Protein backbone atom coordinates (compact mmCIF):
# COMPACT_ATOMS: atom_id res chain seq x y z
CA UNK A 1 35.65 13.00 65.91
CA UNK A 2 35.19 10.07 63.55
CA UNK A 3 32.25 10.12 61.18
CA UNK A 4 30.29 7.05 60.29
CA UNK A 5 29.30 6.52 56.68
CA UNK A 6 26.16 4.55 56.08
CA UNK A 7 26.28 2.40 53.01
CA UNK A 8 23.00 1.27 51.58
CA UNK A 9 22.67 -2.41 51.24
CA UNK A 10 22.37 -3.59 47.69
CA UNK A 11 18.83 -4.13 46.54
CA UNK A 12 17.82 -7.71 46.69
CA UNK A 13 16.69 -8.85 43.27
CA UNK A 14 14.36 -11.80 43.43
CA UNK A 15 15.66 -14.70 41.43
CA UNK A 16 14.02 -15.20 38.12
CA UNK A 17 11.54 -17.98 38.01
CA UNK A 18 12.61 -20.78 35.77
CA UNK A 19 9.87 -22.48 33.87
CA UNK A 20 9.89 -26.14 34.54
CA UNK A 21 9.76 -28.20 31.39
CA UNK A 22 6.50 -30.02 30.92
CA UNK A 23 6.49 -33.75 31.23
CA UNK A 24 6.33 -35.97 28.16
CA UNK A 25 2.85 -37.09 29.18
CA UNK A 26 1.56 -33.48 29.34
CA UNK A 27 3.10 -32.66 25.97
CA UNK A 28 1.61 -35.80 24.47
CA UNK A 29 -1.86 -34.93 25.76
CA UNK A 30 -1.57 -31.36 24.49
CA UNK A 31 -0.45 -32.38 21.02
CA UNK A 32 -3.04 -35.14 20.95
CA UNK A 33 -5.86 -32.68 21.63
CA UNK A 34 -4.51 -30.32 18.97
CA UNK A 35 -4.31 -33.21 16.49
CA UNK A 36 -7.94 -34.16 17.17
CA UNK A 37 -9.12 -30.59 16.51
CA UNK A 38 -6.97 -30.40 13.37
CA UNK A 39 -8.51 -33.60 12.01
CA UNK A 40 -12.03 -32.32 12.79
CA UNK A 41 -11.31 -29.10 10.90
CA UNK A 42 -9.71 -30.79 7.89
CA UNK A 43 -12.27 -33.58 7.44
CA UNK A 44 -14.77 -31.41 5.49
CA UNK A 45 -11.96 -30.18 3.24
CA UNK A 46 -10.91 -33.79 2.64
CA UNK A 47 -14.45 -34.78 1.63
CA UNK A 48 -14.69 -31.78 -0.68
CA UNK A 49 -11.39 -32.56 -2.36
CA UNK A 50 -11.82 -36.30 -2.89
CA UNK A 51 -15.42 -35.88 -4.08
CA UNK A 52 -14.34 -33.24 -6.59
CA UNK A 53 -12.06 -35.84 -8.22
CA UNK A 54 -14.69 -38.58 -8.52
CA UNK A 55 -16.92 -39.39 -11.48
CA UNK A 56 -20.65 -38.86 -10.90
CA UNK A 57 -21.20 -42.61 -10.31
CA UNK A 58 -19.00 -42.52 -7.18
CA UNK A 59 -20.43 -39.41 -5.50
CA UNK A 60 -22.96 -41.13 -3.24
CA UNK A 61 -22.98 -40.42 0.49
CA UNK A 62 -21.92 -44.00 1.22
CA UNK A 63 -18.64 -43.41 -0.65
CA UNK A 64 -17.98 -39.88 0.60
CA UNK A 65 -14.99 -40.93 2.74
CA UNK A 66 -13.43 -43.23 0.17
CA UNK A 67 -10.76 -42.27 -2.31
CA UNK A 68 -11.85 -42.26 -5.97
CA UNK A 69 -11.60 -45.55 -7.82
CA UNK A 70 -11.39 -43.52 -11.03
CA UNK A 71 -9.63 -40.16 -10.73
CA UNK A 72 -11.04 -37.46 -13.00
CA UNK A 73 -10.87 -33.68 -13.27
CA UNK A 74 -14.08 -33.29 -15.24
CA UNK A 75 -15.79 -31.75 -12.21
CA UNK A 76 -13.06 -29.12 -11.93
CA UNK A 77 -13.35 -28.27 -15.64
CA UNK A 78 -17.11 -27.92 -15.40
CA UNK A 79 -16.86 -25.82 -12.25
CA UNK A 80 -14.25 -23.52 -13.78
CA UNK A 81 -16.22 -23.05 -17.00
CA UNK A 82 -19.30 -22.14 -14.97
CA UNK A 83 -17.68 -19.96 -12.32
CA UNK A 84 -14.83 -18.16 -14.10
CA UNK A 85 -16.91 -15.19 -15.40
CA UNK A 86 -18.48 -14.63 -11.98
CA UNK A 87 -15.12 -14.93 -10.20
CA UNK A 88 -13.86 -11.82 -11.97
CA UNK A 89 -17.08 -10.06 -11.03
CA UNK A 90 -16.46 -11.05 -7.40
CA UNK A 91 -13.01 -9.45 -7.54
CA UNK A 92 -14.53 -6.36 -9.16
CA UNK A 93 -16.97 -6.22 -6.24
CA UNK A 94 -14.83 -7.15 -3.24
CA UNK A 95 -11.74 -5.03 -3.94
CA UNK A 96 -13.33 -1.56 -4.41
CA UNK A 97 -15.99 -2.15 -1.75
CA UNK A 98 -13.29 -3.13 0.77
CA UNK A 99 -11.08 -0.15 -0.06
CA UNK A 100 -13.88 2.43 0.05
CA UNK A 101 -15.38 1.19 3.30
CA UNK A 102 -11.90 1.06 4.90
CA UNK A 103 -11.07 4.62 3.81
CA UNK A 104 -14.41 6.01 5.03
CA UNK A 105 -14.11 4.05 8.27
CA UNK A 106 -10.63 5.47 8.79
CA UNK A 107 -11.89 9.04 8.42
CA UNK A 108 -14.83 8.40 10.74
CA UNK A 109 -12.63 6.67 13.30
CA UNK A 110 -10.18 9.58 13.35
CA UNK A 111 -12.91 12.16 13.83
CA UNK A 112 -14.66 10.16 16.56
CA UNK A 113 -11.44 9.44 18.46
CA UNK A 114 -9.68 12.83 18.20
CA UNK A 115 -12.31 15.50 17.56
CA UNK A 116 -14.50 16.21 20.55
CA UNK A 117 -17.69 17.67 19.09
CA UNK A 118 -21.14 17.80 20.73
CA UNK A 119 -22.91 14.43 20.87
CA UNK A 120 -19.86 12.59 19.59
CA UNK A 121 -20.69 9.57 21.75
CA UNK A 122 -24.24 9.53 20.38
CA UNK A 123 -22.93 9.52 16.81
CA UNK A 124 -20.56 6.69 17.65
CA UNK A 125 -23.39 4.72 19.26
CA UNK A 126 -25.43 5.11 16.08
CA UNK A 127 -22.51 3.73 14.07
CA UNK A 128 -22.35 0.75 16.41
CA UNK A 129 -26.10 0.28 16.12
CA UNK A 130 -25.63 -0.23 12.39
CA UNK A 131 -23.50 -3.31 13.13
CA UNK A 132 -26.29 -5.10 14.96
CA UNK A 133 -29.11 -4.64 12.44
CA UNK A 134 -29.83 -8.06 10.89
CA UNK A 135 -29.44 -7.91 7.14
CA UNK A 136 -32.60 -9.98 6.73
CA UNK A 137 -34.61 -7.20 8.39
CA UNK A 138 -33.63 -4.56 5.84
CA UNK A 139 -33.59 -6.53 2.60
CA UNK A 140 -37.10 -5.60 1.43
CA UNK A 141 -36.68 -1.85 2.24
CA UNK A 142 -33.24 -1.98 0.59
CA UNK A 143 -34.64 -3.49 -2.60
CA UNK A 144 -37.39 -0.84 -2.62
CA UNK A 145 -34.80 1.91 -2.08
CA UNK A 146 -32.52 0.76 -4.88
CA UNK A 147 -35.52 0.50 -7.19
CA UNK A 148 -36.71 3.99 -6.25
CA UNK A 149 -33.24 5.43 -6.87
CA UNK A 150 -33.07 3.65 -10.22
CA UNK A 151 -30.00 1.59 -9.32
CA UNK A 152 -29.72 -1.44 -11.60
CA UNK A 153 -29.12 -4.91 -10.22
CA UNK A 154 -25.51 -5.95 -10.51
CA UNK A 155 -22.00 -5.34 -9.24
CA UNK A 156 -22.20 -1.52 -9.15
CA UNK A 157 -25.17 -1.54 -6.78
CA UNK A 158 -23.57 -4.24 -4.63
CA UNK A 159 -20.41 -2.11 -4.30
CA UNK A 160 -22.47 0.79 -2.94
CA UNK A 161 -24.41 -1.44 -0.55
CA UNK A 162 -21.36 -3.27 0.83
CA UNK A 163 -19.47 -0.01 1.23
CA UNK A 164 -22.28 1.50 3.28
CA UNK A 165 -22.83 -1.57 5.45
CA UNK A 166 -19.09 -2.01 5.99
CA UNK A 167 -18.62 1.49 7.42
CA UNK A 168 -19.77 0.70 11.02
CA UNK A 169 -17.30 -2.14 11.65
CA UNK A 170 -14.47 -0.24 9.94
CA UNK A 171 -15.25 2.85 12.04
CA UNK A 172 -15.13 0.80 15.24
CA UNK A 173 -11.78 -0.79 14.35
CA UNK A 174 -10.16 2.51 13.39
CA UNK A 175 -11.59 4.42 16.36
CA UNK A 176 -10.07 1.90 18.77
CA UNK A 177 -6.79 1.96 16.87
CA UNK A 178 -6.51 5.74 16.72
CA UNK A 179 -7.28 5.99 20.44
CA UNK A 180 -3.92 4.28 21.05
CA UNK A 181 -1.97 6.92 19.08
CA UNK A 182 -0.04 9.14 21.55
CA UNK A 183 -1.67 12.50 22.22
CA UNK A 184 1.74 14.18 21.93
CA UNK A 185 1.62 13.72 18.15
CA UNK A 186 -1.68 15.55 17.94
CA UNK A 187 -0.44 18.31 20.23
CA UNK A 188 2.64 18.76 18.04
CA UNK A 189 0.43 18.98 14.96
CA UNK A 190 -1.76 21.64 16.59
CA UNK A 191 1.33 23.64 17.62
CA UNK A 192 2.52 23.54 14.00
CA UNK A 193 -0.84 24.93 12.91
CA UNK A 194 -2.12 21.76 11.27
CA UNK A 195 -5.87 21.47 10.86
CA UNK A 196 -7.83 18.28 11.20
CA UNK A 197 -7.38 17.26 7.56
CA UNK A 198 -3.64 17.92 7.53
CA UNK A 199 -3.20 16.09 10.83
CA UNK A 200 -5.07 13.11 9.42
CA UNK A 201 -3.27 12.92 6.08
CA UNK A 202 0.27 13.75 7.25
CA UNK A 203 0.41 12.24 10.75
CA UNK A 204 -2.34 9.71 11.33
CA UNK A 205 -2.66 8.13 7.89
CA UNK A 206 1.01 7.02 7.65
CA UNK A 207 0.51 5.20 10.99
CA UNK A 208 -2.67 3.44 9.87
CA UNK A 209 -1.24 0.42 8.05
CA UNK A 210 -2.21 -2.12 10.78
CA UNK A 211 -5.77 -0.79 10.88
CA UNK A 212 -6.09 -0.94 7.11
CA UNK A 213 -4.78 -4.51 7.04
CA UNK A 214 -7.47 -5.61 9.51
CA UNK A 215 -10.34 -3.79 7.83
CA UNK A 216 -9.35 -4.78 4.29
CA UNK A 217 -9.06 -8.47 5.18
CA UNK A 218 -12.31 -8.36 7.14
CA UNK A 219 -14.24 -6.56 4.43
CA UNK A 220 -12.79 -8.57 1.57
CA UNK A 221 -13.82 -11.81 3.28
CA UNK A 222 -17.29 -10.53 4.16
CA UNK A 223 -18.00 -9.16 0.69
CA UNK A 224 -16.57 -12.17 -1.13
CA UNK A 225 -18.63 -14.65 0.90
CA UNK A 226 -21.85 -12.64 0.83
CA UNK A 227 -24.89 -14.38 -0.57
CA UNK A 228 -27.88 -12.51 0.86
CA UNK A 229 -27.24 -9.12 -0.76
CA UNK A 230 -26.18 -10.82 -3.98
CA UNK A 231 -29.33 -12.94 -4.31
CA UNK A 232 -31.56 -9.88 -3.86
CA UNK A 233 -29.57 -7.33 -5.87
CA UNK A 234 -28.08 -9.36 -8.73
CA UNK A 235 -28.66 -12.34 -10.97
CA UNK A 236 -26.65 -15.31 -12.14
CA UNK A 237 -25.67 -13.39 -15.28
CA UNK A 238 -24.38 -10.26 -13.52
CA UNK A 239 -23.75 -11.33 -9.92
CA UNK A 240 -20.75 -12.60 -7.94
CA UNK A 241 -19.42 -16.13 -7.64
CA UNK A 242 -21.65 -17.10 -4.71
CA UNK A 243 -24.71 -16.80 -6.96
CA UNK A 244 -23.09 -18.88 -9.70
CA UNK A 245 -22.03 -21.48 -7.13
CA UNK A 246 -25.62 -21.77 -5.91
CA UNK A 247 -26.78 -22.27 -9.49
CA UNK A 248 -24.05 -24.87 -10.03
CA UNK A 249 -25.11 -26.85 -6.95
CA UNK A 250 -28.86 -26.47 -7.54
CA UNK A 251 -31.22 -28.89 -9.16
CA UNK A 252 -32.32 -32.43 -8.44
CA UNK A 253 -29.61 -34.02 -10.62
CA UNK A 254 -26.70 -32.05 -9.23
CA UNK A 255 -23.16 -32.95 -10.26
CA UNK A 256 -21.59 -33.29 -6.82
CA UNK A 257 -18.03 -33.46 -8.08
CA UNK A 258 -18.48 -30.13 -9.91
CA UNK A 259 -20.23 -28.63 -6.87
CA UNK A 260 -17.40 -29.64 -4.53
CA UNK A 261 -14.78 -28.36 -6.98
CA UNK A 262 -16.71 -25.10 -7.29
CA UNK A 263 -16.82 -24.69 -3.52
CA UNK A 264 -13.04 -25.11 -3.35
CA UNK A 265 -12.49 -22.66 -6.21
CA UNK A 266 -14.72 -19.99 -4.68
CA UNK A 267 -13.16 -20.35 -1.22
CA UNK A 268 -9.57 -20.25 -2.53
CA UNK A 269 -9.15 -16.42 -2.69
CA UNK A 270 -10.12 -15.83 0.95
CA UNK A 271 -7.97 -18.76 2.01
CA UNK A 272 -4.98 -17.29 0.20
CA UNK A 273 -5.62 -13.89 1.78
CA UNK A 274 -5.56 -15.35 5.29
CA UNK A 275 -2.52 -17.51 4.61
CA UNK A 276 -0.52 -14.57 3.23
CA UNK A 277 -1.78 -11.83 5.54
CA UNK A 278 -2.94 -13.78 8.59
CA UNK A 279 -0.07 -12.71 10.84
CA UNK A 280 -0.60 -9.07 9.88
CA UNK A 281 -4.31 -9.47 10.66
CA UNK A 282 -3.58 -10.63 14.22
CA UNK A 283 -0.93 -7.92 14.66
CA UNK A 284 -3.37 -5.26 13.46
CA UNK A 285 -6.04 -6.45 15.89
CA UNK A 286 -3.56 -6.23 18.77
CA UNK A 287 -2.15 -2.86 17.66
CA UNK A 288 -5.06 -0.90 19.12
CA UNK A 289 -5.53 -3.04 22.21
CA UNK A 290 -2.98 -1.16 24.36
CA UNK A 291 -3.14 2.61 24.66
CA UNK A 292 0.30 4.08 24.07
């Protein structure tokens, strides 16, 4: 008796959709809109730059858009002479404050994401609450506290303050990032007898580069650009560059070319950081967005 063999029909694979090329009109509109936004963003930088190269007689608002009739770098020399001591103080403030808040945030994020202790969610909510407290609301109590503790005004006190106030955002970033680390790694560490500190230092910490890139860039920018803490807890003689820039731009007879040059000088470090590390910043933000 003959047997019949049934052969399964090959699976029908839907054809891949081909993306139709956009029309020249659509591309022109898209690039035109992008060009308009680019011009809007660069116009303030253009005014800053051309004004910084003008003599004081040409720095009126009516001539703000015009190129200098007489090109001079006297404003840049004055701005550098005024700001250079405070720029080094800004680096001495922003670098250690960023590193310490990132390290503490990493430890907190690991504990809150991988160690299930009683009221862990309440502790995390309190960390988040610290992000939403307006700095203006705590300035007077903060000044009273630093005075009671005997902390002198200056960079050392600002490092402590920025480290403490940077912990909530760093904890949030690292908690979300560590939640995407596969649980199998933690199980393997527990099987090998690793405690929480060994698991953090030998397994989690080597995987934390994207999180540290995000938090370090974020904190460096926030600390470098801070003015509120600096004006309350330091002076022009011992404070960061933002205080010196305010003093440079103050007064009724302000030298606008020096003020514009000073604004460009002070903003240059954060601009360089984003140009060099911008792609790592975006990659670090996306690293914890998908749970692996």
